[in-house]
Every structure is written in C-alpha cells, then in structure tokens.
Amino acid sequence: MVVHAANIQESDGAKLVLRRALGRFPRLRHVWADQGYKPHLVEWAKAVGGWAVEIVAKPKDQKGFAVLPRRWVVERTFAWLGRCRRLSKDYEALPTTHEAWVHLGMIHLMLKRLTR
C-alpha cells in the first residue's frame, strides 16, 4: 500500500506500489488494473518486475452500473476502510500517518474476523 498526493497520476501511483512489491512478493505474477492504467503501466510492469498486467475493461455495450470482474475487490476494500471512523474522512495531513491508520483499520478488520 502506498498513500500519495492526489496530484499523482494513477499509473505513477501504481508504479510506487509495485516498486515496494519488488523482491517482497516473489509469487506475484499477475496484476489487475482498470483502464486508467494503460498502456504505460502494462509495459513498465513487464520490464521491471516481469508482472503481467491485465486491464479490466468494461464491455463496450454496457449502459449504467455493472460489476466488473476483479474490480469489485478494490471497491469492497475501500468500503471496509470507510467504516473506520478515522478513515471515513481525510483527517490526516501526512501520507505516512494515513498509511498507519489504513494498516490499523485492516488489522482491526482481520482481528474481528479471526475472533468470530
């Protein structure tokens, strides 16, 4: 996870995340991304980490809302984090503080699930 300023392009932010993954997750081979990440991320990820980036595109005939494969995972995670009071609004001034709160929110979520 990487928290960065809002003025960074999506594909540049994804590169920050994937750079952190280099060497830490040797089994990582496949990455899903939405249309905002092509074509630069696809080529960069293959060259730097050997990862295959699959762009999840919405069907050409789609009208209105439809659940896209794999994309719902990200949206669902954002919804889980939004339930944490501190993460429901942008209170933090520093990206590192926000990252710490996201880690705490996910730890809380996992502890709740493990103790059921």
N, C-alpha and C. Protein backbone atom coordinates (compact mmCIF):
# COMPACT_ATOMS: atom_id res chain seq x y z
N MET A 1 0.83 -1.17 0.00
CA MET A 1 0.00 0.00 0.00
C MET A 1 0.88 1.24 0.00
N VAL A 2 0.48 2.22 -0.77
CA VAL A 2 1.17 3.49 -0.81
C VAL A 2 0.12 4.59 -0.79
N VAL A 3 0.25 5.54 0.10
CA VAL A 3 -0.60 6.72 0.12
C VAL A 3 0.23 7.86 -0.45
N HIS A 4 -0.32 8.53 -1.45
CA HIS A 4 0.41 9.63 -2.08
C HIS A 4 -0.53 10.80 -2.32
N ALA A 5 0.03 11.90 -2.75
CA ALA A 5 -0.76 13.10 -3.01
C ALA A 5 -1.74 12.85 -4.15
N ALA A 6 -2.82 13.60 -4.16
CA ALA A 6 -3.86 13.43 -5.18
C ALA A 6 -3.42 13.89 -6.56
N ASN A 7 -2.34 14.67 -6.65
CA ASN A 7 -1.92 15.18 -7.95
C ASN A 7 -1.01 14.21 -8.71
N ILE A 8 -0.83 13.00 -8.20
CA ILE A 8 -0.04 11.98 -8.88
C ILE A 8 -0.97 11.15 -9.76
N GLN A 9 -0.58 10.94 -11.00
CA GLN A 9 -1.37 10.15 -11.93
C GLN A 9 -1.51 8.71 -11.43
N GLU A 10 -2.60 8.05 -11.81
CA GLU A 10 -2.86 6.68 -11.35
C GLU A 10 -1.72 5.73 -11.70
N SER A 11 -1.24 5.79 -12.92
CA SER A 11 -0.19 4.85 -13.33
C SER A 11 1.11 5.10 -12.58
N ASP A 12 1.39 6.36 -12.23
CA ASP A 12 2.59 6.66 -11.44
C ASP A 12 2.43 6.15 -10.01
N GLY A 13 1.22 6.26 -9.46
CA GLY A 13 0.94 5.72 -8.14
C GLY A 13 1.06 4.21 -8.11
N ALA A 14 0.61 3.56 -9.17
CA ALA A 14 0.72 2.10 -9.25
C ALA A 14 2.19 1.67 -9.31
N LYS A 15 3.00 2.46 -9.97
CA LYS A 15 4.43 2.15 -10.02
C LYS A 15 5.04 2.22 -8.63
N LEU A 16 4.59 3.17 -7.80
CA LEU A 16 5.08 3.25 -6.43
C LEU A 16 4.73 1.98 -5.65
N VAL A 17 3.51 1.49 -5.83
CA VAL A 17 3.08 0.27 -5.15
C VAL A 17 3.90 -0.93 -5.63
N LEU A 18 4.05 -1.05 -6.93
CA LEU A 18 4.77 -2.21 -7.47
C LEU A 18 6.26 -2.16 -7.15
N ARG A 19 6.83 -0.97 -7.04
CA ARG A 19 8.24 -0.88 -6.63
C ARG A 19 8.42 -1.43 -5.22
N ARG A 20 7.45 -1.16 -4.34
CA ARG A 20 7.52 -1.71 -2.98
C ARG A 20 7.38 -3.23 -2.98
N ALA A 21 6.69 -3.75 -3.96
CA ALA A 21 6.48 -5.21 -4.04
C ALA A 21 7.70 -5.95 -4.59
N LEU A 22 8.59 -5.24 -5.27
CA LEU A 22 9.77 -5.88 -5.86
C LEU A 22 10.57 -6.61 -4.78
N GLY A 23 10.78 -7.90 -4.98
CA GLY A 23 11.58 -8.69 -4.07
C GLY A 23 10.85 -9.14 -2.81
N ARG A 24 9.71 -8.52 -2.49
CA ARG A 24 8.97 -8.87 -1.28
C ARG A 24 7.92 -9.95 -1.52
N PHE A 25 7.42 -10.02 -2.72
CA PHE A 25 6.37 -10.97 -3.06
C PHE A 25 6.77 -11.74 -4.32
N PRO A 26 7.64 -12.73 -4.18
CA PRO A 26 8.15 -13.43 -5.36
C PRO A 26 7.09 -14.20 -6.13
N ARG A 27 5.98 -14.53 -5.48
CA ARG A 27 4.92 -15.27 -6.18
C ARG A 27 4.00 -14.37 -6.98
N LEU A 28 4.13 -13.06 -6.83
CA LEU A 28 3.29 -12.12 -7.58
C LEU A 28 3.64 -12.19 -9.06
N ARG A 29 2.67 -12.54 -9.86
CA ARG A 29 2.89 -12.66 -11.30
C ARG A 29 1.86 -11.88 -12.12
N HIS A 30 0.67 -11.67 -11.53
CA HIS A 30 -0.44 -11.11 -12.29
C HIS A 30 -1.05 -9.95 -11.50
N VAL A 31 -1.31 -8.84 -12.20
CA VAL A 31 -1.89 -7.65 -11.58
C VAL A 31 -3.09 -7.23 -12.41
N TRP A 32 -4.20 -6.93 -11.74
CA TRP A 32 -5.37 -6.41 -12.43
C TRP A 32 -5.42 -4.91 -12.25
N ALA A 33 -5.82 -4.20 -13.28
CA ALA A 33 -5.91 -2.74 -13.22
C ALA A 33 -7.07 -2.28 -14.10
N ASP A 34 -7.57 -1.09 -13.82
CA ASP A 34 -8.64 -0.57 -14.67
C ASP A 34 -8.05 0.20 -15.85
N GLN A 35 -8.92 0.74 -16.67
CA GLN A 35 -8.49 1.35 -17.93
C GLN A 35 -7.60 2.58 -17.75
N GLY A 36 -7.62 3.20 -16.59
CA GLY A 36 -6.81 4.38 -16.35
C GLY A 36 -5.31 4.09 -16.31
N TYR A 37 -4.95 2.82 -16.26
CA TYR A 37 -3.54 2.45 -16.11
C TYR A 37 -2.85 2.06 -17.41
N LYS A 38 -3.59 1.95 -18.48
CA LYS A 38 -2.93 1.53 -19.71
C LYS A 38 -2.47 2.71 -20.51
N PRO A 39 -1.55 2.61 -21.39
CA PRO A 39 -0.70 1.47 -21.70
C PRO A 39 0.62 1.48 -20.93
N HIS A 40 0.93 2.60 -20.28
CA HIS A 40 2.25 2.77 -19.68
C HIS A 40 2.54 1.74 -18.59
N LEU A 41 1.59 1.45 -17.73
CA LEU A 41 1.82 0.53 -16.63
C LEU A 41 2.06 -0.90 -17.13
N VAL A 42 1.36 -1.28 -18.17
CA VAL A 42 1.48 -2.65 -18.70
C VAL A 42 2.92 -2.92 -19.13
N GLU A 43 3.47 -2.01 -19.90
CA GLU A 43 4.85 -2.18 -20.40
C GLU A 43 5.87 -2.06 -19.26
N TRP A 44 5.69 -1.09 -18.38
CA TRP A 44 6.62 -0.86 -17.28
C TRP A 44 6.66 -2.06 -16.34
N ALA A 45 5.50 -2.60 -15.97
CA ALA A 45 5.44 -3.72 -15.04
C ALA A 45 6.11 -4.96 -15.62
N LYS A 46 5.93 -5.18 -16.90
CA LYS A 46 6.58 -6.34 -17.55
C LYS A 46 8.09 -6.17 -17.54
N ALA A 47 8.58 -4.97 -17.83
CA ALA A 47 10.02 -4.73 -17.90
C ALA A 47 10.67 -4.75 -16.52
N VAL A 48 10.03 -4.17 -15.51
CA VAL A 48 10.65 -4.03 -14.19
C VAL A 48 10.51 -5.29 -13.34
N GLY A 49 9.30 -5.83 -13.26
CA GLY A 49 9.07 -6.96 -12.35
C GLY A 49 8.68 -8.25 -13.02
N GLY A 50 8.50 -8.22 -14.33
CA GLY A 50 8.06 -9.42 -15.02
C GLY A 50 6.59 -9.74 -14.77
N TRP A 51 5.84 -8.74 -14.31
CA TRP A 51 4.43 -8.95 -14.00
C TRP A 51 3.57 -8.77 -15.24
N ALA A 52 2.53 -9.57 -15.33
CA ALA A 52 1.54 -9.41 -16.39
C ALA A 52 0.41 -8.55 -15.83
N VAL A 53 0.17 -7.41 -16.45
CA VAL A 53 -0.92 -6.53 -16.02
C VAL A 53 -2.09 -6.73 -16.95
N GLU A 54 -3.22 -7.12 -16.36
CA GLU A 54 -4.45 -7.31 -17.13
C GLU A 54 -5.36 -6.12 -16.88
N ILE A 55 -5.74 -5.44 -17.94
CA ILE A 55 -6.64 -4.30 -17.84
C ILE A 55 -8.07 -4.81 -17.84
N VAL A 56 -8.81 -4.49 -16.78
CA VAL A 56 -10.22 -4.89 -16.67
C VAL A 56 -11.04 -3.78 -17.31
N ALA A 57 -11.50 -4.06 -18.51
CA ALA A 57 -12.26 -3.07 -19.27
C ALA A 57 -13.74 -3.37 -19.20
N LYS A 58 -14.54 -2.32 -19.18
CA LYS A 58 -15.97 -2.56 -19.18
C LYS A 58 -16.42 -2.92 -20.60
N PRO A 59 -17.44 -3.74 -20.71
CA PRO A 59 -17.93 -4.14 -22.03
C PRO A 59 -18.38 -2.92 -22.84
N LYS A 60 -18.16 -2.97 -24.13
CA LYS A 60 -18.50 -1.84 -25.00
C LYS A 60 -20.00 -1.54 -25.00
N ASP A 61 -20.82 -2.56 -24.82
CA ASP A 61 -22.27 -2.35 -24.86
C ASP A 61 -22.87 -2.06 -23.48
N GLN A 62 -22.06 -1.89 -22.47
CA GLN A 62 -22.55 -1.65 -21.11
C GLN A 62 -23.16 -0.26 -20.97
N LYS A 63 -24.35 -0.22 -20.36
CA LYS A 63 -25.01 1.04 -20.04
C LYS A 63 -25.34 0.99 -18.56
N GLY A 64 -24.98 2.04 -17.84
CA GLY A 64 -25.26 2.07 -16.42
C GLY A 64 -24.23 1.27 -15.63
N PHE A 65 -24.59 0.95 -14.39
CA PHE A 65 -23.66 0.25 -13.50
C PHE A 65 -23.67 -1.24 -13.75
N ALA A 66 -22.48 -1.83 -13.71
CA ALA A 66 -22.33 -3.28 -13.76
C ALA A 66 -21.07 -3.64 -12.99
N VAL A 67 -21.12 -4.75 -12.27
CA VAL A 67 -19.95 -5.20 -11.52
C VAL A 67 -18.94 -5.75 -12.52
N LEU A 68 -17.72 -5.23 -12.47
CA LEU A 68 -16.67 -5.70 -13.36
C LEU A 68 -15.83 -6.74 -12.63
N PRO A 69 -15.38 -7.77 -13.33
CA PRO A 69 -14.60 -8.81 -12.67
C PRO A 69 -13.33 -8.24 -12.04
N ARG A 70 -13.03 -8.64 -10.83
CA ARG A 70 -11.85 -8.27 -10.05
C ARG A 70 -11.85 -6.81 -9.58
N ARG A 71 -12.55 -5.93 -10.23
CA ARG A 71 -12.54 -4.53 -9.83
C ARG A 71 -13.32 -4.32 -8.54
N TRP A 72 -14.33 -5.13 -8.31
CA TRP A 72 -15.14 -5.01 -7.11
C TRP A 72 -14.32 -5.26 -5.86
N VAL A 73 -13.23 -5.98 -5.97
CA VAL A 73 -12.38 -6.28 -4.81
C VAL A 73 -11.82 -4.98 -4.23
N VAL A 74 -11.38 -4.09 -5.07
CA VAL A 74 -10.83 -2.81 -4.62
C VAL A 74 -11.92 -1.96 -4.00
N GLU A 75 -13.05 -1.86 -4.67
CA GLU A 75 -14.15 -1.03 -4.17
C GLU A 75 -14.66 -1.57 -2.83
N ARG A 76 -14.74 -2.89 -2.69
CA ARG A 76 -15.17 -3.50 -1.44
C ARG A 76 -14.20 -3.17 -0.31
N THR A 77 -12.90 -3.21 -0.60
CA THR A 77 -11.89 -2.89 0.41
C THR A 77 -12.00 -1.44 0.84
N PHE A 78 -12.22 -0.53 -0.11
CA PHE A 78 -12.41 0.88 0.24
C PHE A 78 -13.64 1.05 1.15
N ALA A 79 -14.70 0.28 0.88
CA ALA A 79 -15.90 0.35 1.72
C ALA A 79 -15.60 -0.13 3.13
N TRP A 80 -14.83 -1.21 3.26
CA TRP A 80 -14.45 -1.71 4.59
C TRP A 80 -13.67 -0.64 5.35
N LEU A 81 -12.71 -0.01 4.66
CA LEU A 81 -11.90 1.02 5.31
C LEU A 81 -12.74 2.24 5.68
N GLY A 82 -13.75 2.53 4.88
CA GLY A 82 -14.61 3.67 5.16
C GLY A 82 -15.43 3.50 6.43
N ARG A 83 -15.58 2.26 6.90
CA ARG A 83 -16.29 2.02 8.16
C ARG A 83 -15.46 2.42 9.37
N CYS A 84 -14.16 2.55 9.18
CA CYS A 84 -13.30 3.01 10.28
C CYS A 84 -13.49 4.53 10.39
N ARG A 85 -13.86 4.98 11.56
CA ARG A 85 -14.21 6.38 11.74
C ARG A 85 -13.09 7.32 11.30
N ARG A 86 -11.88 6.99 11.66
CA ARG A 86 -10.74 7.86 11.35
C ARG A 86 -10.47 7.91 9.84
N LEU A 87 -10.86 6.86 9.12
CA LEU A 87 -10.61 6.81 7.68
C LEU A 87 -11.82 7.24 6.85
N SER A 88 -12.92 7.56 7.52
CA SER A 88 -14.11 7.93 6.76
C SER A 88 -13.98 9.32 6.12
N LYS A 89 -13.10 10.13 6.66
CA LYS A 89 -12.81 11.45 6.09
C LYS A 89 -11.30 11.60 5.99
N ASP A 90 -10.85 12.58 5.25
CA ASP A 90 -9.42 12.82 5.11
C ASP A 90 -8.95 13.75 6.23
N TYR A 91 -8.66 13.17 7.39
CA TYR A 91 -8.20 13.95 8.54
C TYR A 91 -6.69 14.18 8.52
N GLU A 92 -5.96 13.26 7.92
CA GLU A 92 -4.50 13.25 8.06
C GLU A 92 -3.84 14.27 7.15
N ALA A 93 -2.78 14.89 7.66
CA ALA A 93 -2.01 15.85 6.88
C ALA A 93 -0.83 15.16 6.19
N LEU A 94 -0.34 14.07 6.78
CA LEU A 94 0.83 13.37 6.23
C LEU A 94 0.43 12.02 5.65
N PRO A 95 0.96 11.67 4.49
CA PRO A 95 0.65 10.36 3.90
C PRO A 95 1.07 9.20 4.81
N THR A 96 2.17 9.35 5.52
CA THR A 96 2.61 8.24 6.39
C THR A 96 1.63 8.01 7.54
N THR A 97 1.02 9.06 8.04
CA THR A 97 0.01 8.90 9.09
C THR A 97 -1.21 8.18 8.54
N HIS A 98 -1.62 8.54 7.35
CA HIS A 98 -2.77 7.87 6.74
C HIS A 98 -2.46 6.39 6.49
N GLU A 99 -1.27 6.10 6.02
CA GLU A 99 -0.87 4.70 5.82
C GLU A 99 -0.97 3.92 7.13
N ALA A 100 -0.51 4.52 8.22
CA ALA A 100 -0.57 3.84 9.51
C ALA A 100 -2.02 3.56 9.90
N TRP A 101 -2.92 4.51 9.67
CA TRP A 101 -4.32 4.29 10.01
C TRP A 101 -4.97 3.23 9.12
N VAL A 102 -4.56 3.15 7.85
CA VAL A 102 -5.08 2.09 6.98
C VAL A 102 -4.61 0.73 7.50
N HIS A 103 -3.34 0.63 7.89
CA HIS A 103 -2.84 -0.62 8.47
C HIS A 103 -3.64 -0.99 9.72
N LEU A 104 -3.87 -0.02 10.59
CA LEU A 104 -4.65 -0.29 11.81
C LEU A 104 -6.08 -0.71 11.48
N GLY A 105 -6.67 -0.06 10.50
CA GLY A 105 -8.03 -0.43 10.09
C GLY A 105 -8.10 -1.86 9.57
N MET A 106 -7.13 -2.26 8.78
CA MET A 106 -7.12 -3.63 8.25
C MET A 106 -6.80 -4.65 9.35
N ILE A 107 -5.93 -4.29 10.28
CA ILE A 107 -5.64 -5.18 11.42
C ILE A 107 -6.92 -5.38 12.24
N HIS A 108 -7.64 -4.30 12.49
CA HIS A 108 -8.89 -4.39 13.23
C HIS A 108 -9.89 -5.30 12.51
N LEU A 109 -10.02 -5.13 11.21
CA LEU A 109 -10.92 -5.95 10.42
C LEU A 109 -10.54 -7.43 10.50
N MET A 110 -9.26 -7.72 10.35
CA MET A 110 -8.82 -9.12 10.39
C MET A 110 -8.99 -9.72 11.78
N LEU A 111 -8.72 -8.96 12.84
CA LEU A 111 -8.92 -9.46 14.19
C LEU A 111 -10.38 -9.78 14.47
N LYS A 112 -11.27 -8.92 14.00
CA LYS A 112 -12.70 -9.19 14.17
C LYS A 112 -13.09 -10.49 13.48
N ARG A 113 -12.56 -10.71 12.30
CA ARG A 113 -12.90 -11.94 11.55
C ARG A 113 -12.30 -13.18 12.19
N LEU A 114 -11.10 -13.04 12.71
CA LEU A 114 -10.43 -14.21 13.32
C LEU A 114 -11.04 -14.61 14.66
N THR A 115 -11.66 -13.66 15.35
CA THR A 115 -12.21 -13.97 16.67
C THR A 115 -13.68 -14.37 16.62
N ARG A 116 -14.26 -14.44 15.48
CA ARG A 116 -15.67 -14.86 15.38
C ARG A 116 -15.83 -16.31 15.71
